[in-house]
């Protein structure tokens, strides 16, 4: 068990996610992590990690990728975008943007932000 991990788990994806979080620069780190669906919906350790993320990171975007985008058939994947901050607040995550590309809805910006 690593002392810098939030939760002890045998799930490799959850351990990978925690490892990435610990490797980020605590003042201005940014990451985009590709993870399978089970990480977002799993109970136990996955649930505990999902509860810790909004308090310790700014999880700002979840991109749900269409099925079949990777070589392994049937794997549903997501990309989580998050960052750290110089002065962490109690609840760092304020708003989360969800882009679900499994729905065949085209998301094209009409103008620059």
N, C-alpha and C. Protein backbone atom coordinates (compact mmCIF):
# COMPACT_ATOMS: atom_id res chain seq x y z
N UNK A 1 0.84 -1.19 0.00
CA UNK A 1 0.00 0.00 0.00
C UNK A 1 0.88 1.24 0.00
N UNK A 2 0.60 2.11 -0.93
CA UNK A 2 1.31 3.39 -0.95
C UNK A 2 0.60 4.36 -0.03
N UNK A 3 1.36 5.07 0.76
CA UNK A 3 0.78 6.00 1.73
C UNK A 3 0.14 7.21 1.05
N UNK A 4 0.53 7.49 -0.20
CA UNK A 4 -0.04 8.65 -0.89
C UNK A 4 -1.30 8.31 -1.68
N UNK A 5 -1.73 7.05 -1.66
CA UNK A 5 -2.98 6.66 -2.32
C UNK A 5 -4.14 6.87 -1.36
N UNK A 6 -5.30 7.20 -1.90
CA UNK A 6 -6.50 7.38 -1.08
C UNK A 6 -7.04 6.05 -0.58
N UNK A 7 -6.96 5.01 -1.42
CA UNK A 7 -7.61 3.73 -1.14
C UNK A 7 -6.70 2.59 -1.57
N UNK A 8 -6.70 1.51 -0.80
CA UNK A 8 -6.00 0.29 -1.20
C UNK A 8 -6.94 -0.52 -2.08
N UNK A 9 -6.43 -0.92 -3.24
CA UNK A 9 -7.27 -1.69 -4.17
C UNK A 9 -6.41 -2.59 -5.04
N UNK A 10 -7.00 -3.70 -5.47
CA UNK A 10 -6.31 -4.58 -6.42
C UNK A 10 -6.69 -4.24 -7.86
N UNK A 11 -7.64 -3.32 -8.04
CA UNK A 11 -8.07 -2.89 -9.37
C UNK A 11 -6.97 -2.04 -10.00
N UNK A 12 -6.42 -2.52 -11.11
CA UNK A 12 -5.30 -1.83 -11.75
C UNK A 12 -5.67 -0.45 -12.27
N UNK A 13 -6.89 -0.30 -12.79
CA UNK A 13 -7.30 1.00 -13.31
C UNK A 13 -7.40 2.04 -12.19
N UNK A 14 -7.93 1.64 -11.04
CA UNK A 14 -8.03 2.56 -9.91
C UNK A 14 -6.66 2.91 -9.35
N UNK A 15 -5.76 1.92 -9.31
CA UNK A 15 -4.40 2.19 -8.86
C UNK A 15 -3.70 3.13 -9.84
N UNK A 16 -3.91 2.92 -11.14
CA UNK A 16 -3.34 3.79 -12.17
C UNK A 16 -3.83 5.23 -12.01
N UNK A 17 -5.12 5.41 -11.79
CA UNK A 17 -5.69 6.74 -11.60
C UNK A 17 -5.07 7.42 -10.38
N UNK A 18 -4.97 6.70 -9.27
CA UNK A 18 -4.37 7.28 -8.07
C UNK A 18 -2.90 7.62 -8.28
N UNK A 19 -2.19 6.78 -9.03
CA UNK A 19 -0.78 7.05 -9.33
C UNK A 19 -0.64 8.35 -10.12
N UNK A 20 -1.49 8.54 -11.11
CA UNK A 20 -1.44 9.77 -11.91
C UNK A 20 -1.68 10.99 -11.03
N UNK A 21 -2.67 10.90 -10.15
CA UNK A 21 -2.98 12.03 -9.25
C UNK A 21 -1.76 12.37 -8.39
N UNK A 22 -1.07 11.36 -7.87
CA UNK A 22 0.08 11.63 -7.01
C UNK A 22 1.27 12.18 -7.78
N UNK A 23 1.34 11.92 -9.09
CA UNK A 23 2.46 12.40 -9.90
C UNK A 23 2.27 13.83 -10.41
N UNK A 24 1.07 14.38 -10.29
CA UNK A 24 0.81 15.73 -10.78
C UNK A 24 1.50 16.77 -9.91
N UNK A 25 1.90 17.86 -10.54
CA UNK A 25 2.41 19.01 -9.80
C UNK A 25 1.27 19.52 -8.92
N UNK A 26 1.45 19.62 -7.61
CA UNK A 26 0.34 20.00 -6.73
C UNK A 26 -0.15 21.43 -6.94
N UNK A 27 0.64 22.27 -7.59
CA UNK A 27 0.24 23.67 -7.78
C UNK A 27 -0.50 23.92 -9.08
N UNK A 28 -0.16 23.19 -10.13
CA UNK A 28 -0.80 23.45 -11.42
C UNK A 28 -0.75 22.23 -12.34
N UNK A 29 -0.95 21.06 -11.79
CA UNK A 29 -0.91 19.84 -12.59
C UNK A 29 -2.19 19.67 -13.41
N UNK A 30 -2.03 19.09 -14.60
CA UNK A 30 -3.18 18.80 -15.47
C UNK A 30 -3.03 17.39 -16.01
N UNK A 31 -4.17 16.71 -16.14
CA UNK A 31 -4.13 15.34 -16.66
C UNK A 31 -5.40 15.03 -17.44
N UNK A 32 -5.24 14.14 -18.41
CA UNK A 32 -6.35 13.53 -19.13
C UNK A 32 -6.09 12.03 -19.08
N UNK A 33 -7.03 11.28 -18.51
CA UNK A 33 -6.82 9.86 -18.27
C UNK A 33 -7.92 9.06 -18.95
N UNK A 34 -7.53 8.07 -19.75
CA UNK A 34 -8.48 7.17 -20.41
C UNK A 34 -8.74 6.00 -19.46
N UNK A 35 -10.03 5.80 -19.13
CA UNK A 35 -10.41 4.74 -18.20
C UNK A 35 -11.66 4.03 -18.70
N UNK A 36 -11.79 2.73 -18.42
CA UNK A 36 -13.00 2.01 -18.82
C UNK A 36 -14.19 2.40 -17.94
N UNK A 37 -15.39 2.07 -18.41
CA UNK A 37 -16.63 2.40 -17.71
C UNK A 37 -16.67 1.90 -16.26
N UNK A 38 -16.12 0.72 -16.02
CA UNK A 38 -16.24 0.15 -14.68
C UNK A 38 -15.65 1.06 -13.60
N UNK A 39 -14.67 1.88 -13.95
CA UNK A 39 -14.07 2.79 -12.98
C UNK A 39 -15.09 3.84 -12.53
N UNK A 40 -15.96 4.26 -13.44
CA UNK A 40 -16.94 5.29 -13.10
C UNK A 40 -18.12 4.75 -12.30
N UNK A 41 -18.38 3.45 -12.38
CA UNK A 41 -19.60 2.92 -11.78
C UNK A 41 -19.36 1.84 -10.73
N UNK A 42 -18.13 1.46 -10.50
CA UNK A 42 -17.81 0.40 -9.55
C UNK A 42 -18.01 0.87 -8.11
N UNK A 43 -18.47 -0.03 -7.25
CA UNK A 43 -18.63 0.27 -5.83
C UNK A 43 -17.33 0.04 -5.09
N UNK A 44 -17.37 0.06 -3.78
CA UNK A 44 -16.20 -0.21 -2.96
C UNK A 44 -15.13 0.85 -3.12
N UNK A 45 -13.93 0.42 -3.53
CA UNK A 45 -12.80 1.33 -3.68
C UNK A 45 -13.07 2.39 -4.74
N UNK A 46 -13.73 2.00 -5.83
CA UNK A 46 -14.06 2.97 -6.88
C UNK A 46 -14.95 4.08 -6.38
N UNK A 47 -15.91 3.72 -5.56
CA UNK A 47 -16.82 4.72 -4.99
C UNK A 47 -16.07 5.68 -4.07
N UNK A 48 -15.16 5.16 -3.26
CA UNK A 48 -14.38 6.01 -2.36
C UNK A 48 -13.50 6.99 -3.13
N UNK A 49 -12.89 6.51 -4.21
CA UNK A 49 -12.04 7.38 -5.03
C UNK A 49 -12.88 8.45 -5.70
N UNK A 50 -14.06 8.07 -6.22
CA UNK A 50 -14.93 9.07 -6.85
C UNK A 50 -15.39 10.13 -5.86
N UNK A 51 -15.52 9.77 -4.59
CA UNK A 51 -15.90 10.76 -3.57
C UNK A 51 -14.73 11.68 -3.23
N UNK A 52 -13.51 11.18 -3.31
CA UNK A 52 -12.32 11.99 -3.00
C UNK A 52 -11.96 12.95 -4.13
N UNK A 53 -12.22 12.55 -5.37
CA UNK A 53 -11.79 13.37 -6.51
C UNK A 53 -12.34 14.79 -6.50
N UNK A 54 -13.64 15.03 -6.30
CA UNK A 54 -14.14 16.41 -6.35
C UNK A 54 -13.58 17.31 -5.26
N UNK A 55 -13.20 16.73 -4.12
CA UNK A 55 -12.64 17.53 -3.04
C UNK A 55 -11.17 17.85 -3.25
N UNK A 56 -10.46 16.99 -3.95
CA UNK A 56 -9.01 17.14 -4.08
C UNK A 56 -8.54 17.55 -5.47
N UNK A 57 -9.42 17.49 -6.46
CA UNK A 57 -9.08 17.83 -7.84
C UNK A 57 -10.20 18.64 -8.45
N UNK A 58 -9.88 19.36 -9.50
CA UNK A 58 -10.93 20.02 -10.29
C UNK A 58 -11.21 19.12 -11.49
N UNK A 59 -12.17 18.23 -11.33
CA UNK A 59 -12.61 17.36 -12.42
C UNK A 59 -13.57 18.18 -13.27
N UNK A 60 -13.10 18.65 -14.43
CA UNK A 60 -13.90 19.60 -15.20
C UNK A 60 -14.56 19.01 -16.43
N UNK A 61 -14.08 17.86 -16.94
CA UNK A 61 -14.66 17.32 -18.16
C UNK A 61 -14.63 15.79 -18.13
N UNK A 62 -15.74 15.19 -18.56
CA UNK A 62 -15.81 13.74 -18.77
C UNK A 62 -16.24 13.53 -20.22
N UNK A 63 -15.41 12.85 -20.96
CA UNK A 63 -15.66 12.57 -22.37
C UNK A 63 -15.97 11.08 -22.49
N UNK A 64 -17.20 10.73 -22.84
CA UNK A 64 -17.59 9.32 -23.01
C UNK A 64 -17.36 8.94 -24.47
N UNK A 65 -16.39 8.08 -24.69
CA UNK A 65 -16.01 7.70 -26.05
C UNK A 65 -16.96 6.66 -26.62
N UNK A 66 -17.17 6.67 -27.94
CA UNK A 66 -18.05 5.67 -28.55
C UNK A 66 -17.44 4.27 -28.46
N UNK A 67 -18.29 3.27 -28.42
CA UNK A 67 -17.82 1.88 -28.39
C UNK A 67 -17.07 1.58 -29.69
N UNK A 68 -16.05 0.74 -29.60
CA UNK A 68 -15.30 0.35 -30.78
C UNK A 68 -14.17 1.28 -31.15
N UNK A 69 -13.90 2.28 -30.34
CA UNK A 69 -12.83 3.22 -30.66
C UNK A 69 -11.45 2.60 -30.42
N UNK A 70 -11.39 1.59 -29.55
CA UNK A 70 -10.14 0.89 -29.28
C UNK A 70 -10.18 -0.50 -29.92
N UNK A 71 -9.04 -1.13 -30.02
CA UNK A 71 -8.91 -2.42 -30.68
C UNK A 71 -9.79 -3.48 -30.03
N UNK A 72 -9.79 -3.53 -28.70
CA UNK A 72 -10.61 -4.52 -28.00
C UNK A 72 -12.09 -4.19 -28.19
N UNK A 73 -12.83 -5.11 -28.77
CA UNK A 73 -14.25 -4.88 -29.05
C UNK A 73 -15.06 -4.83 -27.77
N UNK A 74 -16.03 -3.96 -27.74
CA UNK A 74 -16.95 -3.88 -26.62
C UNK A 74 -16.46 -3.10 -25.42
N UNK A 75 -15.24 -2.59 -25.47
CA UNK A 75 -14.72 -1.82 -24.34
C UNK A 75 -15.26 -0.40 -24.43
N UNK A 76 -15.98 0.01 -23.41
CA UNK A 76 -16.49 1.38 -23.34
C UNK A 76 -15.52 2.18 -22.50
N UNK A 77 -15.05 3.29 -23.05
CA UNK A 77 -14.02 4.07 -22.37
C UNK A 77 -14.45 5.51 -22.18
N UNK A 78 -13.80 6.16 -21.25
CA UNK A 78 -14.04 7.56 -20.92
C UNK A 78 -12.70 8.26 -20.77
N UNK A 79 -12.69 9.55 -20.99
CA UNK A 79 -11.51 10.35 -20.71
C UNK A 79 -11.90 11.35 -19.63
N UNK A 80 -11.17 11.32 -18.52
CA UNK A 80 -11.40 12.26 -17.43
C UNK A 80 -10.33 13.35 -17.52
N UNK A 81 -10.75 14.59 -17.51
CA UNK A 81 -9.84 15.74 -17.54
C UNK A 81 -9.91 16.42 -16.18
N UNK A 82 -8.77 16.58 -15.53
CA UNK A 82 -8.76 17.22 -14.22
C UNK A 82 -7.45 17.95 -13.99
N UNK A 83 -7.45 18.84 -13.00
CA UNK A 83 -6.24 19.56 -12.65
C UNK A 83 -6.19 19.81 -11.15
N UNK A 84 -4.99 20.18 -10.70
CA UNK A 84 -4.77 20.55 -9.30
C UNK A 84 -4.66 22.06 -9.22
N UNK A 85 -4.66 22.59 -8.01
CA UNK A 85 -4.58 24.04 -7.84
C UNK A 85 -3.59 24.40 -6.74
N UNK A 86 -3.05 25.62 -6.85
CA UNK A 86 -2.08 26.09 -5.88
C UNK A 86 -2.67 26.13 -4.47
N UNK A 87 -3.88 26.67 -4.35
CA UNK A 87 -4.57 26.73 -3.06
C UNK A 87 -5.87 25.94 -3.16
N UNK A 88 -5.82 24.65 -2.85
CA UNK A 88 -7.03 23.83 -2.99
C UNK A 88 -8.16 24.34 -2.09
N UNK A 89 -9.35 24.35 -2.64
CA UNK A 89 -10.54 24.73 -1.89
C UNK A 89 -11.17 23.47 -1.29
N UNK A 90 -12.19 23.65 -0.50
CA UNK A 90 -12.88 22.50 0.11
C UNK A 90 -13.42 21.56 -0.97
N UNK A 91 -14.17 22.11 -1.90
CA UNK A 91 -14.69 21.32 -3.02
C UNK A 91 -14.14 21.95 -4.29
N UNK A 92 -13.07 21.39 -4.82
CA UNK A 92 -12.42 21.99 -5.99
C UNK A 92 -13.27 21.90 -7.24
N UNK A 93 -14.00 20.80 -7.40
CA UNK A 93 -14.83 20.63 -8.59
C UNK A 93 -16.11 21.43 -8.43
N UNK A 94 -16.31 22.40 -9.31
CA UNK A 94 -17.52 23.23 -9.28
C UNK A 94 -18.51 22.76 -10.35
N UNK A 95 -18.06 22.66 -11.58
CA UNK A 95 -18.90 22.25 -12.71
C UNK A 95 -18.17 21.18 -13.50
N UNK A 96 -18.92 20.20 -13.98
CA UNK A 96 -18.35 19.14 -14.81
C UNK A 96 -19.08 19.14 -16.15
N UNK A 97 -18.31 19.22 -17.23
CA UNK A 97 -18.87 19.14 -18.58
C UNK A 97 -18.85 17.68 -19.00
N UNK A 98 -20.00 17.16 -19.46
CA UNK A 98 -20.12 15.80 -19.96
C UNK A 98 -20.35 15.85 -21.46
N UNK A 99 -19.50 15.15 -22.19
CA UNK A 99 -19.67 14.99 -23.64
C UNK A 99 -19.84 13.50 -23.89
N UNK A 100 -21.04 13.11 -24.30
CA UNK A 100 -21.35 11.70 -24.51
C UNK A 100 -21.37 11.42 -26.01
N UNK A 101 -20.28 10.87 -26.53
CA UNK A 101 -20.19 10.57 -27.96
C UNK A 101 -20.73 9.19 -28.30
N UNK A 102 -21.46 8.57 -27.38
CA UNK A 102 -22.13 7.30 -27.66
C UNK A 102 -23.53 7.54 -28.18
N UNK A 103 -23.99 8.76 -28.17
CA UNK A 103 -25.37 9.07 -28.54
C UNK A 103 -25.53 9.47 -30.00
N UNK A 104 -24.45 9.55 -30.76
CA UNK A 104 -24.46 9.99 -32.16
C UNK A 104 -24.93 11.42 -32.33
N UNK A 105 -24.82 12.22 -31.29
CA UNK A 105 -25.12 13.65 -31.37
C UNK A 105 -23.82 14.37 -31.68
N UNK A 106 -23.83 15.21 -32.70
CA UNK A 106 -22.62 15.93 -33.08
C UNK A 106 -22.47 17.17 -32.23
N UNK A 107 -21.31 17.33 -31.61
CA UNK A 107 -21.01 18.48 -30.77
C UNK A 107 -20.05 19.38 -31.54
N UNK A 108 -20.59 20.35 -32.23
CA UNK A 108 -19.76 21.27 -33.00
C UNK A 108 -19.95 22.67 -32.43
N UNK A 109 -18.86 23.30 -32.02
CA UNK A 109 -19.01 24.65 -31.48
C UNK A 109 -19.46 25.63 -32.57
N UNK A 110 -20.38 26.49 -32.23
CA UNK A 110 -20.89 27.49 -33.18
C UNK A 110 -19.98 28.71 -33.24
N UNK A 111 -19.27 28.97 -32.13
CA UNK A 111 -18.36 30.11 -32.09
C UNK A 111 -17.25 29.80 -31.09
N UNK A 112 -16.21 30.59 -31.12
CA UNK A 112 -15.11 30.41 -30.18
C UNK A 112 -15.54 30.88 -28.80
N UNK A 113 -15.06 30.21 -27.74
CA UNK A 113 -15.45 30.65 -26.39
C UNK A 113 -14.83 31.98 -26.02
